[in-house]
Amino acid sequence: MPAGKPAGHPCIQLDANGRCRLFGHPERPRVCRDFTPTVALCGDNRRQALERLTALERATAPP
């Protein structure tokens, strides 16, 4: 996504299972490569991770 990903929209590189199509590829964006998931940020499971990341995305979205 050359201009960045708008808040509230899934990345266009996610497949039907919510997995990154660019994972492990050199063209994967640096922001994604540098992201380090932690229990504090992502919780203990996928549901918690999505809830927490969605809340963070909403809280940091431009007005």
N, C-alpha and C. Protein backbone atom coordinates (compact mmCIF):
# COMPACT_ATOMS: atom_id res chain seq x y z
N MET A 1 0.85 -1.16 0.00
CA MET A 1 0.00 0.00 0.00
C MET A 1 0.90 1.23 0.00
N PRO A 2 1.18 1.76 -1.15
CA PRO A 2 2.17 2.84 -1.30
C PRO A 2 1.92 4.06 -0.41
N ALA A 3 0.67 4.41 -0.18
CA ALA A 3 0.37 5.59 0.65
C ALA A 3 0.07 5.22 2.09
N GLY A 4 0.31 3.98 2.47
CA GLY A 4 0.02 3.52 3.82
C GLY A 4 -1.34 2.87 3.90
N LYS A 5 -1.62 2.24 5.01
CA LYS A 5 -2.90 1.55 5.21
C LYS A 5 -3.82 2.43 6.04
N PRO A 6 -5.00 2.75 5.53
CA PRO A 6 -5.93 3.54 6.32
C PRO A 6 -6.41 2.77 7.55
N ALA A 7 -6.60 3.47 8.64
CA ALA A 7 -7.12 2.84 9.86
C ALA A 7 -8.47 2.21 9.57
N GLY A 8 -8.70 1.04 10.13
CA GLY A 8 -9.98 0.36 9.97
C GLY A 8 -10.09 -0.49 8.72
N HIS A 9 -9.07 -0.49 7.89
CA HIS A 9 -9.08 -1.29 6.67
C HIS A 9 -8.00 -2.35 6.77
N PRO A 10 -8.31 -3.59 6.38
CA PRO A 10 -7.28 -4.61 6.41
C PRO A 10 -6.22 -4.35 5.34
N CYS A 11 -5.05 -4.80 5.59
CA CYS A 11 -3.97 -4.70 4.60
C CYS A 11 -4.36 -5.49 3.35
N ILE A 12 -4.05 -4.94 2.19
CA ILE A 12 -4.40 -5.63 0.94
C ILE A 12 -3.56 -6.88 0.73
N GLN A 13 -2.51 -7.07 1.52
CA GLN A 13 -1.65 -8.24 1.37
C GLN A 13 -2.10 -9.43 2.21
N LEU A 14 -3.19 -9.28 2.97
CA LEU A 14 -3.68 -10.40 3.78
C LEU A 14 -4.50 -11.35 2.92
N ASP A 15 -4.29 -12.64 3.10
CA ASP A 15 -5.07 -13.63 2.36
C ASP A 15 -6.39 -13.89 3.08
N ALA A 16 -7.18 -14.83 2.59
CA ALA A 16 -8.49 -15.13 3.16
C ALA A 16 -8.40 -15.61 4.61
N ASN A 17 -7.25 -16.11 5.01
CA ASN A 17 -7.05 -16.59 6.39
C ASN A 17 -6.41 -15.53 7.28
N GLY A 18 -6.24 -14.31 6.75
CA GLY A 18 -5.64 -13.23 7.54
C GLY A 18 -4.14 -13.34 7.65
N ARG A 19 -3.52 -14.06 6.76
CA ARG A 19 -2.06 -14.23 6.79
C ARG A 19 -1.41 -13.38 5.70
N CYS A 20 -0.24 -12.86 6.02
CA CYS A 20 0.47 -11.97 5.10
C CYS A 20 1.04 -12.75 3.92
N ARG A 21 0.70 -12.29 2.72
CA ARG A 21 1.23 -12.92 1.51
C ARG A 21 2.69 -12.57 1.28
N LEU A 22 3.17 -11.52 1.95
CA LEU A 22 4.56 -11.07 1.75
C LEU A 22 5.50 -11.54 2.85
N PHE A 23 4.99 -12.28 3.83
CA PHE A 23 5.82 -12.72 4.94
C PHE A 23 7.02 -13.50 4.41
N GLY A 24 8.21 -13.08 4.85
CA GLY A 24 9.44 -13.75 4.42
C GLY A 24 9.99 -13.27 3.10
N HIS A 25 9.30 -12.34 2.45
CA HIS A 25 9.75 -11.81 1.17
C HIS A 25 10.40 -10.44 1.37
N PRO A 26 11.41 -10.11 0.58
CA PRO A 26 12.12 -8.83 0.76
C PRO A 26 11.23 -7.61 0.51
N GLU A 27 10.16 -7.74 -0.25
CA GLU A 27 9.30 -6.59 -0.52
C GLU A 27 8.30 -6.31 0.61
N ARG A 28 8.31 -7.14 1.65
CA ARG A 28 7.45 -6.88 2.81
C ARG A 28 7.85 -5.53 3.42
N PRO A 29 6.88 -4.65 3.70
CA PRO A 29 7.21 -3.33 4.23
C PRO A 29 8.01 -3.39 5.53
N ARG A 30 8.89 -2.42 5.68
CA ARG A 30 9.74 -2.39 6.87
C ARG A 30 8.93 -2.32 8.16
N VAL A 31 7.85 -1.56 8.16
CA VAL A 31 7.03 -1.44 9.38
C VAL A 31 6.52 -2.83 9.80
N CYS A 32 6.23 -3.66 8.85
CA CYS A 32 5.77 -5.02 9.16
C CYS A 32 6.94 -5.90 9.61
N ARG A 33 8.06 -5.79 8.91
CA ARG A 33 9.24 -6.59 9.28
C ARG A 33 9.71 -6.25 10.69
N ASP A 34 9.63 -4.97 11.05
CA ASP A 34 10.14 -4.53 12.35
C ASP A 34 9.18 -4.76 13.51
N PHE A 35 7.93 -5.09 13.21
CA PHE A 35 6.93 -5.31 14.27
C PHE A 35 7.28 -6.57 15.06
N THR A 36 7.36 -6.43 16.37
CA THR A 36 7.62 -7.57 17.24
C THR A 36 6.42 -7.77 18.15
N PRO A 37 5.63 -8.81 17.91
CA PRO A 37 4.47 -9.03 18.76
C PRO A 37 4.89 -9.43 20.17
N THR A 38 4.16 -8.94 21.14
CA THR A 38 4.39 -9.29 22.54
C THR A 38 3.06 -9.67 23.17
N VAL A 39 3.09 -10.40 24.26
CA VAL A 39 1.86 -10.75 24.97
C VAL A 39 1.16 -9.48 25.45
N ALA A 40 1.92 -8.49 25.89
CA ALA A 40 1.32 -7.24 26.36
C ALA A 40 0.52 -6.55 25.26
N LEU A 41 1.00 -6.62 24.04
CA LEU A 41 0.32 -5.97 22.93
C LEU A 41 -0.73 -6.88 22.29
N CYS A 42 -0.41 -8.14 22.11
CA CYS A 42 -1.27 -9.04 21.34
C CYS A 42 -2.08 -10.04 22.16
N GLY A 43 -1.86 -10.10 23.45
CA GLY A 43 -2.61 -11.05 24.26
C GLY A 43 -2.13 -12.47 24.06
N ASP A 44 -3.02 -13.39 24.38
CA ASP A 44 -2.67 -14.81 24.35
C ASP A 44 -3.22 -15.57 23.15
N ASN A 45 -4.04 -14.91 22.33
CA ASN A 45 -4.64 -15.61 21.20
C ASN A 45 -5.01 -14.62 20.10
N ARG A 46 -5.45 -15.15 18.97
CA ARG A 46 -5.77 -14.32 17.81
C ARG A 46 -6.88 -13.31 18.13
N ARG A 47 -7.93 -13.74 18.82
CA ARG A 47 -9.04 -12.83 19.15
C ARG A 47 -8.55 -11.65 19.95
N GLN A 48 -7.77 -11.90 20.99
CA GLN A 48 -7.23 -10.81 21.80
C GLN A 48 -6.33 -9.90 20.97
N ALA A 49 -5.51 -10.48 20.13
CA ALA A 49 -4.62 -9.68 19.30
C ALA A 49 -5.41 -8.75 18.39
N LEU A 50 -6.43 -9.27 17.73
CA LEU A 50 -7.23 -8.45 16.83
C LEU A 50 -7.97 -7.35 17.59
N GLU A 51 -8.50 -7.67 18.75
CA GLU A 51 -9.19 -6.65 19.56
C GLU A 51 -8.23 -5.54 19.98
N ARG A 52 -7.06 -5.92 20.46
CA ARG A 52 -6.09 -4.93 20.94
C ARG A 52 -5.50 -4.10 19.80
N LEU A 53 -5.17 -4.75 18.71
CA LEU A 53 -4.61 -4.01 17.58
C LEU A 53 -5.66 -3.09 16.95
N THR A 54 -6.91 -3.53 16.90
CA THR A 54 -7.99 -2.67 16.39
C THR A 54 -8.18 -1.46 17.27
N ALA A 55 -8.15 -1.66 18.59
CA ALA A 55 -8.29 -0.53 19.53
C ALA A 55 -7.13 0.45 19.37
N LEU A 56 -5.93 -0.06 19.22
CA LEU A 56 -4.75 0.80 19.04
C LEU A 56 -4.86 1.56 17.72
N GLU A 57 -5.29 0.88 16.68
CA GLU A 57 -5.44 1.54 15.39
C GLU A 57 -6.48 2.67 15.47
N ARG A 58 -7.60 2.40 16.12
CA ARG A 58 -8.64 3.45 16.27
C ARG A 58 -8.12 4.62 17.11
N ALA A 59 -7.39 4.32 18.15
CA ALA A 59 -6.89 5.38 19.04
C ALA A 59 -5.86 6.26 18.38
N THR A 60 -5.18 5.74 17.36
CA THR A 60 -4.12 6.52 16.71
C THR A 60 -4.50 7.01 15.32
N ALA A 61 -5.75 6.77 14.91
CA ALA A 61 -6.21 7.20 13.59
C ALA A 61 -6.32 8.73 13.55
N PRO A 62 -6.03 9.32 12.41
CA PRO A 62 -6.20 10.78 12.30
C PRO A 62 -7.67 11.15 12.46
N PRO A 63 -7.93 12.35 12.93
CA PRO A 63 -9.33 12.77 13.15
C PRO A 63 -10.13 12.88 11.85
